Amino acid sequence: MPRRETLLQMAERHVLEGEALIARQRRLIERLARDGHPTDDAQEFLRSFLKAQAEHIAHLQGLLDE
């Protein structure tokens, strides 16, 4: 039977997944810019990802501080 993820493990996973998503989005923006495509929408998504990541980090820190 698979072991269930704890709240702390979930928060840590969210932070790690967020880091990967942000890195991918930054690479996409670089590629779009290099190829002469607009980056406005991609940059808006990046801002959203960064905001969500800040929330993930705050949640994780709150759990660690308990």
PDB file of N, CA and C in Angstrom:
ATOM      1  N   MET A   1       0.843  -1.174   0.000  1.00  0.00           N
ATOM      2  CA  MET A   1       0.000   0.000   0.000  1.00  0.00           C
ATOM      3  C   MET A   1       0.893   1.244   0.000  1.00  0.00           C
ATOM      4  N   PRO A   2       0.638   2.201  -0.900  1.00  0.00           N
ATOM      5  CA  PRO A   2       1.470   3.396  -0.956  1.00  0.00           C
ATOM      6  C   PRO A   2       1.302   4.251   0.302  1.00  0.00           C
ATOM      7  N   ARG A   3       2.392   4.831   0.735  1.00  0.00           N
ATOM      8  CA  ARG A   3       2.368   5.685   1.911  1.00  0.00           C
ATOM      9  C   ARG A   3       1.809   7.047   1.527  1.00  0.00           C
ATOM     10  N   ARG A   4       0.972   7.600   2.373  1.00  0.00           N
ATOM     11  CA  ARG A   4       0.401   8.922   2.093  1.00  0.00           C
ATOM     12  C   ARG A   4       1.414  10.011   2.386  1.00  0.00           C
ATOM     13  N   GLU A   5       1.350  11.050   1.603  1.00  0.00           N
ATOM     14  CA  GLU A   5       2.239  12.190   1.750  1.00  0.00           C
ATOM     15  C   GLU A   5       1.804  13.038   2.948  1.00  0.00           C
ATOM     16  N   THR A   6       2.756  13.455   3.764  1.00  0.00           N
ATOM     17  CA  THR A   6       2.436  14.352   4.876  1.00  0.00           C
ATOM     18  C   THR A   6       2.255  15.769   4.339  1.00  0.00           C
ATOM     19  N   LEU A   7       1.691  16.628   5.168  1.00  0.00           N
ATOM     20  CA  LEU A   7       1.505  18.022   4.778  1.00  0.00           C
ATOM     21  C   LEU A   7       2.855  18.685   4.502  1.00  0.00           C
ATOM     22  N   LEU A   8       3.852  18.387   5.323  1.00  0.00           N
ATOM     23  CA  LEU A   8       5.190  18.941   5.114  1.00  0.00           C
ATOM     24  C   LEU A   8       5.784  18.441   3.798  1.00  0.00           C
ATOM     25  N   GLN A   9       5.641  17.165   3.517  1.00  0.00           N
ATOM     26  CA  GLN A   9       6.157  16.609   2.258  1.00  0.00           C
ATOM     27  C   GLN A   9       5.466  17.251   1.060  1.00  0.00           C
ATOM     28  N   MET A  10       4.163  17.468   1.174  1.00  0.00           N
ATOM     29  CA  MET A  10       3.421  18.094   0.087  1.00  0.00           C
ATOM     30  C   MET A  10       3.917  19.525  -0.137  1.00  0.00           C
ATOM     31  N   ALA A  11       4.117  20.266   0.941  1.00  0.00           N
ATOM     32  CA  ALA A  11       4.593  21.642   0.821  1.00  0.00           C
ATOM     33  C   ALA A  11       5.988  21.677   0.196  1.00  0.00           C
ATOM     34  N   GLU A  12       6.854  20.766   0.605  1.00  0.00           N
ATOM     35  CA  GLU A  12       8.194  20.686   0.015  1.00  0.00           C
ATOM     36  C   GLU A  12       8.114  20.354  -1.475  1.00  0.00           C
ATOM     37  N   ARG A  13       7.226  19.442  -1.828  1.00  0.00           N
ATOM     38  CA  ARG A  13       7.053  19.066  -3.239  1.00  0.00           C
ATOM     39  C   ARG A  13       6.552  20.257  -4.052  1.00  0.00           C
ATOM     40  N   HIS A  14       5.615  21.004  -3.489  1.00  0.00           N
ATOM     41  CA  HIS A  14       5.091  22.171  -4.199  1.00  0.00           C
ATOM     42  C   HIS A  14       6.194  23.193  -4.471  1.00  0.00           C
ATOM     43  N   VAL A  15       7.075  23.402  -3.504  1.00  0.00           N
ATOM     44  CA  VAL A  15       8.183  24.343  -3.705  1.00  0.00           C
ATOM     45  C   VAL A  15       9.113  23.835  -4.804  1.00  0.00           C
ATOM     46  N   LEU A  16       9.459  22.557  -4.761  1.00  0.00           N
ATOM     47  CA  LEU A  16      10.347  21.990  -5.784  1.00  0.00           C
ATOM     48  C   LEU A  16       9.714  22.040  -7.169  1.00  0.00           C
ATOM     49  N   GLU A  17       8.446  21.689  -7.253  1.00  0.00           N
ATOM     50  CA  GLU A  17       7.762  21.736  -8.542  1.00  0.00           C
ATOM     51  C   GLU A  17       7.659  23.172  -9.050  1.00  0.00           C
ATOM     52  N   GLY A  18       7.445  24.106  -8.128  1.00  0.00           N
ATOM     53  CA  GLY A  18       7.386  25.514  -8.508  1.00  0.00           C
ATOM     54  C   GLY A  18       8.708  26.003  -9.072  1.00  0.00           C
ATOM     55  N   GLU A  19       9.810  25.588  -8.442  1.00  0.00           N
ATOM     56  CA  GLU A  19      11.136  25.970  -8.944  1.00  0.00           C
ATOM     57  C   GLU A  19      11.341  25.461 -10.369  1.00  0.00           C
ATOM     58  N   ALA A  20      10.939  24.232 -10.614  1.00  0.00           N
ATOM     59  CA  ALA A  20      11.095  23.653 -11.951  1.00  0.00           C
ATOM     60  C   ALA A  20      10.219  24.384 -12.964  1.00  0.00           C
ATOM     61  N   LEU A  21       9.005  24.703 -12.578  1.00  0.00           N
ATOM     62  CA  LEU A  21       8.087  25.401 -13.476  1.00  0.00           C
ATOM     63  C   LEU A  21       8.613  26.794 -13.823  1.00  0.00           C
ATOM     64  N   ILE A  22       9.131  27.488 -12.834  1.00  0.00           N
ATOM     65  CA  ILE A  22       9.681  28.824 -13.061  1.00  0.00           C
ATOM     66  C   ILE A  22      10.892  28.753 -13.984  1.00  0.00           C
ATOM     67  N   ALA A  23      11.749  27.789 -13.772  1.00  0.00           N
ATOM     68  CA  ALA A  23      12.931  27.629 -14.635  1.00  0.00           C
ATOM     69  C   ALA A  23      12.511  27.352 -16.075  1.00  0.00           C
ATOM     70  N   ARG A  24      11.517  26.470 -16.255  1.00  0.00           N
ATOM     71  CA  ARG A  24      11.020  26.168 -17.603  1.00  0.00           C
ATOM     72  C   ARG A  24      10.439  27.409 -18.264  1.00  0.00           C
ATOM     73  N   GLN A  25       9.687  28.183 -17.493  1.00  0.00           N
ATOM     74  CA  GLN A  25       9.060  29.381 -18.050  1.00  0.00           C
ATOM     75  C   GLN A  25      10.117  30.407 -18.448  1.00  0.00           C
ATOM     76  N   ARG A  26      11.151  30.542 -17.647  1.00  0.00           N
ATOM     77  CA  ARG A  26      12.232  31.475 -17.996  1.00  0.00           C
ATOM     78  C   ARG A  26      12.937  31.039 -19.276  1.00  0.00           C
ATOM     79  N   ARG A  27      13.146  29.740 -19.422  1.00  0.00           N
ATOM     80  CA  ARG A  27      13.760  29.240 -20.663  1.00  0.00           C
ATOM     81  C   ARG A  27      12.854  29.515 -21.859  1.00  0.00           C
ATOM     82  N   LEU A  28      11.563  29.339 -21.676  1.00  0.00           N
ATOM     83  CA  LEU A  28      10.608  29.612 -22.751  1.00  0.00           C
ATOM     84  C   LEU A  28      10.662  31.079 -23.156  1.00  0.00           C
ATOM     85  N   ILE A  29      10.696  31.963 -22.182  1.00  0.00           N
ATOM     86  CA  ILE A  29      10.759  33.397 -22.476  1.00  0.00           C
ATOM     87  C   ILE A  29      12.034  33.721 -23.246  1.00  0.00           C
ATOM     88  N   GLU A  30      13.149  33.147 -22.822  1.00  0.00           N
ATOM     89  CA  GLU A  30      14.413  33.371 -23.537  1.00  0.00           C
ATOM     90  C   GLU A  30      14.319  32.890 -24.983  1.00  0.00           C
ATOM     91  N   ARG A  31      13.726  31.721 -25.178  1.00  0.00           N
ATOM     92  CA  ARG A  31      13.606  31.162 -26.524  1.00  0.00           C
ATOM     93  C   ARG A  31      12.674  32.014 -27.387  1.00  0.00           C
ATOM     94  N   LEU A  32      11.557  32.430 -26.819  1.00  0.00           N
ATOM     95  CA  LEU A  32      10.629  33.282 -27.567  1.00  0.00           C
ATOM     96  C   LEU A  32      11.306  34.582 -27.983  1.00  0.00           C
ATOM     97  N   ALA A  33      12.000  35.216 -27.042  1.00  0.00           N
ATOM     98  CA  ALA A  33      12.680  36.481 -27.338  1.00  0.00           C
ATOM     99  C   ALA A  33      13.764  36.282 -28.389  1.00  0.00           C
ATOM    100  N   ARG A  34      14.529  35.221 -28.244  1.00  0.00           N
ATOM    101  CA  ARG A  34      15.609  34.945 -29.200  1.00  0.00           C
ATOM    102  C   ARG A  34      15.059  34.757 -30.610  1.00  0.00           C
ATOM    103  N   ASP A  35      13.891  34.116 -30.708  1.00  0.00           N
ATOM    104  CA  ASP A  35      13.302  33.839 -32.017  1.00  0.00           C
ATOM    105  C   ASP A  35      12.410  34.974 -32.525  1.00  0.00           C
ATOM    106  N   GLY A  36      12.377  36.078 -31.794  1.00  0.00           N
ATOM    107  CA  GLY A  36      11.637  37.245 -32.253  1.00  0.00           C
ATOM    108  C   GLY A  36      10.142  37.215 -31.988  1.00  0.00           C
ATOM    109  N   HIS A  37       9.697  36.377 -31.080  1.00  0.00           N
ATOM    110  CA  HIS A  37       8.272  36.287 -30.753  1.00  0.00           C
ATOM    111  C   HIS A  37       7.951  37.171 -29.551  1.00  0.00           C
ATOM    112  N   PRO A  38       6.695  37.586 -29.436  1.00  0.00           N
ATOM    113  CA  PRO A  38       6.306  38.366 -28.261  1.00  0.00           C
ATOM    114  C   PRO A  38       6.424  37.515 -26.989  1.00  0.00           C
ATOM    115  N   THR A  39       6.749  38.166 -25.895  1.00  0.00           N
ATOM    116  CA  THR A  39       6.915  37.445 -24.626  1.00  0.00           C
ATOM    117  C   THR A  39       5.946  37.929 -23.549  1.00  0.00           C
ATOM    118  N   ASP A  40       5.070  38.857 -23.902  1.00  0.00           N
ATOM    119  CA  ASP A  40       4.187  39.453 -22.892  1.00  0.00           C
ATOM    120  C   ASP A  40       3.378  38.408 -22.129  1.00  0.00           C
ATOM    121  N   ASP A  41       2.712  37.518 -22.846  1.00  0.00           N
ATOM    122  CA  ASP A  41       1.889  36.506 -22.179  1.00  0.00           C
ATOM    123  C   ASP A  41       2.745  35.570 -21.333  1.00  0.00           C
ATOM    124  N   ALA A  42       3.877  35.157 -21.872  1.00  0.00           N
ATOM    125  CA  ALA A  42       4.763  34.253 -21.134  1.00  0.00           C
ATOM    126  C   ALA A  42       5.290  34.928 -19.874  1.00  0.00           C
ATOM    127  N   GLN A  43       5.574  36.224 -19.963  1.00  0.00           N
ATOM    128  CA  GLN A  43       6.048  36.946 -18.784  1.00  0.00           C
ATOM    129  C   GLN A  43       4.943  37.106 -17.750  1.00  0.00           C
ATOM    130  N   GLU A  44       3.720  37.272 -18.211  1.00  0.00           N
ATOM    131  CA  GLU A  44       2.590  37.357 -17.277  1.00  0.00           C
ATOM    132  C   GLU A  44       2.415  36.031 -16.530  1.00  0.00           C
ATOM    133  N   PHE A  45       2.539  34.928 -17.255  1.00  0.00           N
ATOM    134  CA  PHE A  45       2.484  33.622 -16.597  1.00  0.00           C
ATOM    135  C   PHE A  45       3.616  33.489 -15.581  1.00  0.00           C
ATOM    136  N   LEU A  46       4.804  33.945 -15.940  1.00  0.00           N
ATOM    137  CA  LEU A  46       5.936  33.872 -15.016  1.00  0.00           C
ATOM    138  C   LEU A  46       5.632  34.654 -13.741  1.00  0.00           C
ATOM    139  N   ARG A  47       5.062  35.831 -13.878  1.00  0.00           N
ATOM    140  CA  ARG A  47       4.705  36.615 -12.684  1.00  0.00           C
ATOM    141  C   ARG A  47       3.719  35.849 -11.809  1.00  0.00           C
ATOM    142  N   SER A  48       2.767  35.190 -12.436  1.00  0.00           N
ATOM    143  CA  SER A  48       1.806  34.379 -11.672  1.00  0.00           C
ATOM    144  C   SER A  48       2.499  33.219 -10.976  1.00  0.00           C
ATOM    145  N   PHE A  49       3.416  32.568 -11.676  1.00  0.00           N
ATOM    146  CA  PHE A  49       4.152  31.448 -11.088  1.00  0.00           C
ATOM    147  C   PHE A  49       4.999  31.920  -9.909  1.00  0.00           C
ATOM    148  N   LEU A  50       5.627  33.094 -10.052  1.00  0.00           N
ATOM    149  CA  LEU A  50       6.455  33.628  -8.968  1.00  0.00           C
ATOM    150  C   LEU A  50       5.609  33.968  -7.742  1.00  0.00           C
ATOM    151  N   LYS A  51       4.414  34.508  -7.978  1.00  0.00           N
ATOM    152  CA  LYS A  51       3.516  34.817  -6.862  1.00  0.00           C
ATOM    153  C   LYS A  51       3.090  33.532  -6.153  1.00  0.00           C
ATOM    154  N   ALA A  52       2.713  32.528  -6.926  1.00  0.00           N
ATOM    155  CA  ALA A  52       2.321  31.247  -6.332  1.00  0.00           C
ATOM    156  C   ALA A  52       3.493  30.627  -5.579  1.00  0.00           C
ATOM    157  N   GLN A  53       4.696  30.756  -6.136  1.00  0.00           N
ATOM    158  CA  GLN A  53       5.874  30.190  -5.481  1.00  0.00           C
ATOM    159  C   GLN A  53       6.115  30.871  -4.138  1.00  0.00           C
ATOM    160  N   ALA A  54       5.932  32.174  -4.075  1.00  0.00           N
ATOM    161  CA  ALA A  54       6.090  32.885  -2.802  1.00  0.00           C
ATOM    162  C   ALA A  54       5.099  32.350  -1.774  1.00  0.00           C
ATOM    163  N   GLU A  55       3.888  32.044  -2.217  1.00  0.00           N
ATOM    164  CA  GLU A  55       2.889  31.469  -1.315  1.00  0.00           C
ATOM    165  C   GLU A  55       3.287  30.064  -0.880  1.00  0.00           C
ATOM    166  N   HIS A  56       3.823  29.277  -1.804  1.00  0.00           N
ATOM    167  CA  HIS A  56       4.283  27.926  -1.455  1.00  0.00           C
ATOM    168  C   HIS A  56       5.406  27.991  -0.424  1.00  0.00           C
ATOM    169  N   ILE A  57       6.338  28.902  -0.630  1.00  0.00           N
ATOM    170  CA  ILE A  57       7.465  29.039   0.296  1.00  0.00           C
ATOM    171  C   ILE A  57       6.972  29.496   1.668  1.00  0.00           C
ATOM    172  N   ALA A  58       6.047  30.445   1.690  1.00  0.00           N
ATOM    173  CA  ALA A  58       5.499  30.919   2.964  1.00  0.00           C
ATOM    174  C   ALA A  58       4.777  29.791   3.694  1.00  0.00           C
ATOM    175  N   HIS A  59       4.034  28.987   2.955  1.00  0.00           N
ATOM    176  CA  HIS A  59       3.336  27.857   3.562  1.00  0.00           C
ATOM    177  C   HIS A  59       4.336  26.867   4.150  1.00  0.00           C
ATOM    178  N   LEU A  60       5.362  26.536   3.379  1.00  0.00           N
ATOM    179  CA  LEU A  60       6.394  25.619   3.860  1.00  0.00           C
ATOM    180  C   LEU A  60       7.074  26.187   5.099  1.00  0.00           C
ATOM    181  N   GLN A  61       7.419  27.464   5.067  1.00  0.00           N
ATOM    182  CA  GLN A  61       8.085  28.071   6.220  1.00  0.00           C
ATOM    183  C   GLN A  61       7.182  28.033   7.447  1.00  0.00           C
ATOM    184  N   GLY A  62       5.902  28.273   7.241  1.00  0.00           N
ATOM    185  CA  GLY A  62       4.960  28.193   8.352  1.00  0.00           C
ATOM    186  C   GLY A  62       4.923  26.809   8.972  1.00  0.00           C
ATOM    187  N   LEU A  63       4.948  25.792   8.139  1.00  0.00           N
ATOM    188  CA  LEU A  63       4.961  24.419   8.648  1.00  0.00           C
ATOM    189  C   LEU A  63       6.258  24.124   9.395  1.00  0.00           C
ATOM    190  N   LEU A  64       7.365  24.627   8.882  1.00  0.00           N
ATOM    191  CA  LEU A  64       8.654  24.391   9.532  1.00  0.00           C
ATOM    192  C   LEU A  64       8.755  25.128  10.862  1.00  0.00           C
ATOM    193  N   ASP A  65       8.065  26.258  10.975  1.00  0.00           N
ATOM    194  CA  ASP A  65       8.110  27.057  12.203  1.00  0.00           C
ATOM    195  C   ASP A  65       7.203  26.518  13.303  1.00  0.00           C
ATOM    196  N   GLU A  66       6.319  25.595  12.961  1.00  0.00           N
ATOM    197  CA  GLU A  66       5.385  25.054  13.969  1.00  0.00           C
ATOM    198  C   GLU A  66       6.115  24.270  15.029  1.00  0.00           C
TER     199      GLU A  66
END
